[in-house]
Amino acid sequence: MFEQLLNTIKRDNPKWAQFQDLLIERQIAAKTILLNEGEISTYAHVIKKGCLREWFNKDGKEITFQFFFEGQAVASIDSFLSNQPSLYTIESIEPSIIYSISKVKFEEINQLFPEFKEKFQELMYQRFKSYANLFLSRIKDSPKERYEDLIQNNPQIIKRVPQHYIASYLGITPTSLSRIRNRK
């Protein structure tokens, strides 16, 4: 979706030059923290290459609840928009290339490019839908069903994310995940 927006803006050379100056391209190593739980988010990111995760600390244990891959936007949206401390941490899983934009520049883009604001709202809707599906899955599905759904609907997670993060995401221990995988 972000690529579609970029392609639309690229067709208008003056707009593209202006837009491009607002984004910062960064290469980050694996295990780079982009935002710590409790900090106020001042940047939003789009992944050009790589994988990131969102997680929070529960009694000293990391609980992963979202993964992001190429072309996806990632930020602590509630913190970014409301200037409140983030409820979670954003971290790279693998070496990544990201586009970052500050909140000030983000607001400029929304003014300059109405199509960007529309796409951003669409991204937010998709994100909330994803959270709702994850929440419902934790209530109604068994760990085995959650794992099978992950294989079917998000195979890139199985291929690219370490098992202990997948187990956390599914709400089970790494040992339980290993048992589920061995039963297949």
Protein backbone atom coordinates (compact mmCIF):
# COMPACT_ATOMS: atom_id res chain seq x y z
CA MET A 1 0.00 0.00 0.00
CA PHE A 2 2.82 2.42 0.84
CA GLU A 3 4.46 1.56 -2.48
CA GLN A 4 1.24 2.49 -4.31
CA LEU A 5 1.24 5.85 -2.58
CA LEU A 6 4.91 6.44 -3.45
CA ASN A 7 4.27 5.55 -7.08
CA THR A 8 1.39 8.05 -7.23
CA ILE A 9 3.55 10.82 -5.78
CA LYS A 10 6.58 9.90 -7.95
CA ARG A 11 4.57 10.69 -11.10
CA ASP A 12 4.51 14.34 -10.02
CA ASN A 13 8.24 15.24 -9.98
CA PRO A 14 7.98 18.47 -7.95
CA LYS A 15 5.79 16.73 -5.37
CA TRP A 16 8.15 13.76 -5.24
CA ALA A 17 11.20 15.97 -4.61
CA GLN A 18 9.35 17.70 -1.78
CA PHE A 19 8.07 14.40 -0.34
CA GLN A 20 11.44 12.66 -0.57
CA ASP A 21 13.08 15.39 1.52
CA LEU A 22 10.67 14.66 4.38
CA LEU A 23 11.67 10.99 4.71
CA ILE A 24 14.91 9.77 6.30
CA GLU A 25 16.21 6.45 4.97
CA ARG A 26 18.06 4.50 7.67
CA GLN A 27 19.85 1.17 7.80
CA ILE A 28 19.51 -0.50 11.17
CA ALA A 29 21.05 -3.65 12.62
CA ALA A 30 19.07 -6.56 14.04
CA LYS A 31 17.89 -5.97 17.62
CA THR A 32 17.83 -2.17 17.19
CA ILE A 33 15.28 -0.52 19.46
CA LEU A 34 13.39 2.23 17.61
CA LEU A 35 11.13 3.09 20.55
CA ASN A 36 11.15 1.93 24.15
CA GLU A 37 8.04 1.22 26.15
CA GLY A 38 7.30 4.36 28.19
CA GLU A 39 8.87 6.81 25.70
CA ILE A 40 6.82 9.23 23.61
CA SER A 41 6.89 8.32 19.92
CA THR A 42 8.18 11.14 17.73
CA TYR A 43 8.74 9.04 14.58
CA ALA A 44 6.75 6.74 12.32
CA HIS A 45 8.51 4.26 10.05
CA VAL A 46 7.91 2.34 6.84
CA ILE A 47 9.94 -0.79 6.19
CA LYS A 48 11.80 -0.87 2.89
CA LYS A 49 13.59 -4.12 3.76
CA GLY A 50 13.54 -6.20 6.92
CA CYS A 51 11.35 -7.22 9.80
CA LEU A 52 10.33 -5.43 13.01
CA ARG A 53 8.25 -6.42 16.00
CA GLU A 54 6.24 -4.73 18.70
CA TRP A 55 6.39 -6.10 22.22
CA PHE A 56 5.78 -5.16 25.84
CA ASN A 57 7.23 -6.30 29.14
CA LYS A 58 5.00 -8.36 31.43
CA ASP A 59 6.71 -9.22 34.72
CA GLY A 60 10.15 -9.33 33.06
CA LYS A 61 8.92 -11.38 30.09
CA GLU A 62 8.75 -10.00 26.53
CA ILE A 63 5.32 -10.45 24.95
CA THR A 64 5.38 -10.00 21.15
CA PHE A 65 2.06 -8.97 19.63
CA GLN A 66 2.83 -7.74 16.11
CA PHE A 67 5.31 -8.30 13.28
CA PHE A 68 5.95 -5.95 10.36
CA PHE A 69 7.59 -6.61 6.99
CA GLU A 70 8.45 -4.79 3.75
CA GLY A 71 6.03 -2.06 2.75
CA GLN A 72 4.35 -1.88 6.15
CA ALA A 73 4.20 1.17 8.40
CA VAL A 74 5.08 0.84 12.06
CA ALA A 75 4.75 3.26 14.95
CA SER A 76 3.23 3.50 18.36
CA ILE A 77 0.26 5.24 16.78
CA ASP A 78 -1.46 6.15 20.04
CA SER A 79 1.77 7.68 21.39
CA PHE A 80 2.65 9.34 18.07
CA LEU A 81 -0.74 11.05 17.74
CA SER A 82 -1.44 11.86 21.40
CA ASN A 83 2.06 12.56 22.80
CA GLN A 84 1.49 9.95 25.52
CA PRO A 85 4.09 7.35 26.56
CA SER A 86 4.15 4.24 24.36
CA LEU A 87 2.69 1.07 25.82
CA TYR A 88 5.23 -1.05 23.94
CA THR A 89 8.68 -1.30 22.37
CA ILE A 90 9.46 -1.38 18.63
CA GLU A 91 12.53 -3.44 17.69
CA SER A 92 14.12 -4.81 14.51
CA ILE A 93 14.39 -8.58 14.24
CA GLU A 94 16.73 -8.63 11.26
CA PRO A 95 18.96 -6.01 9.61
CA SER A 96 16.52 -3.57 8.05
CA ILE A 97 16.22 -0.48 5.90
CA ILE A 98 13.47 1.86 7.01
CA TYR A 99 12.07 5.23 6.06
CA SER A 100 11.49 7.39 9.14
CA ILE A 101 9.43 10.52 9.41
CA SER A 102 9.15 12.87 12.36
CA LYS A 103 5.78 13.90 13.70
CA VAL A 104 6.33 17.47 12.46
CA LYS A 105 7.18 16.24 8.93
CA PHE A 106 4.26 13.78 9.08
CA GLU A 107 1.87 16.66 9.71
CA GLU A 108 3.44 18.57 6.79
CA ILE A 109 2.89 15.57 4.50
CA ASN A 110 -0.75 15.34 5.56
CA GLN A 111 -1.21 18.98 4.53
CA LEU A 112 0.72 18.71 1.25
CA PHE A 113 -0.60 15.33 0.11
CA PRO A 114 -4.26 14.57 0.89
CA GLU A 115 -3.79 11.12 -0.70
CA PHE A 116 -1.20 10.34 1.99
CA LYS A 117 -3.68 11.10 4.76
CA GLU A 118 -6.24 8.79 3.13
CA LYS A 119 -3.70 5.94 2.86
CA PHE A 120 -2.61 6.50 6.46
CA GLN A 121 -6.21 6.18 7.64
CA GLU A 122 -6.52 2.98 5.60
CA LEU A 123 -3.35 1.62 7.26
CA MET A 124 -4.76 2.44 10.70
CA TYR A 125 -7.97 0.59 9.88
CA GLN A 126 -6.00 -2.48 8.78
CA ARG A 127 -3.91 -2.32 11.96
CA PHE A 128 -6.96 -2.19 14.21
CA LYS A 129 -8.51 -5.07 12.28
CA SER A 130 -5.33 -7.08 12.81
CA TYR A 131 -5.39 -6.36 16.56
CA ALA A 132 -9.06 -7.34 16.78
CA ASN A 133 -8.36 -10.63 14.98
CA LEU A 134 -5.43 -11.38 17.29
CA PHE A 135 -7.53 -10.58 20.36
CA LEU A 136 -10.40 -12.82 19.22
CA SER A 137 -8.00 -15.61 18.29
CA ARG A 138 -6.52 -15.58 21.80
CA ILE A 139 -10.03 -15.99 23.24
CA LYS A 140 -11.56 -18.56 20.89
CA ASP A 141 -8.74 -20.57 19.31
CA SER A 142 -6.48 -23.22 20.79
CA PRO A 143 -2.71 -22.73 20.50
CA LYS A 144 -2.67 -25.35 17.73
CA GLU A 145 -5.38 -23.48 15.81
CA ARG A 146 -3.50 -20.18 16.22
CA TYR A 147 -0.33 -21.81 14.87
CA GLU A 148 -2.15 -23.35 11.90
CA ASP A 149 -3.74 -19.98 11.11
CA LEU A 150 -0.29 -18.38 11.24
CA ILE A 151 1.10 -20.94 8.78
CA GLN A 152 -1.80 -20.41 6.39
CA ASN A 153 -2.19 -16.62 6.60
CA ASN A 154 1.28 -15.34 7.57
CA PRO A 155 3.91 -17.78 6.29
CA GLN A 156 6.57 -15.04 6.20
CA ILE A 157 6.47 -15.02 10.02
CA ILE A 158 7.24 -18.75 10.15
CA LYS A 159 10.09 -18.33 7.64
CA ARG A 160 11.74 -15.20 9.04
CA VAL A 161 11.00 -14.85 12.75
CA PRO A 162 12.82 -16.75 15.54
CA GLN A 163 10.71 -19.42 17.24
CA HIS A 164 10.74 -17.80 20.70
CA TYR A 165 9.13 -14.64 19.25
CA ILE A 166 6.53 -16.75 17.43
CA ALA A 167 5.72 -18.61 20.65
CA SER A 168 5.30 -15.30 22.49
CA TYR A 169 3.08 -13.97 19.68
CA LEU A 170 0.90 -17.09 19.90
CA GLY A 171 0.67 -16.79 23.69
CA ILE A 172 2.48 -20.06 24.38
CA THR A 173 5.89 -21.20 25.58
CA PRO A 174 8.65 -22.18 23.13
CA THR A 175 8.33 -25.75 24.45
CA SER A 176 4.60 -25.81 23.63
CA LEU A 177 5.31 -24.44 20.15
CA SER A 178 7.89 -27.16 19.61
CA ARG A 179 5.34 -29.82 20.61
CA ILE A 180 2.72 -28.38 18.24
CA ARG A 181 5.22 -28.31 15.38
CA ASN A 182 6.34 -31.89 16.03
CA ARG A 183 2.73 -33.19 15.91
CA LYS A 184 2.30 -32.03 12.32
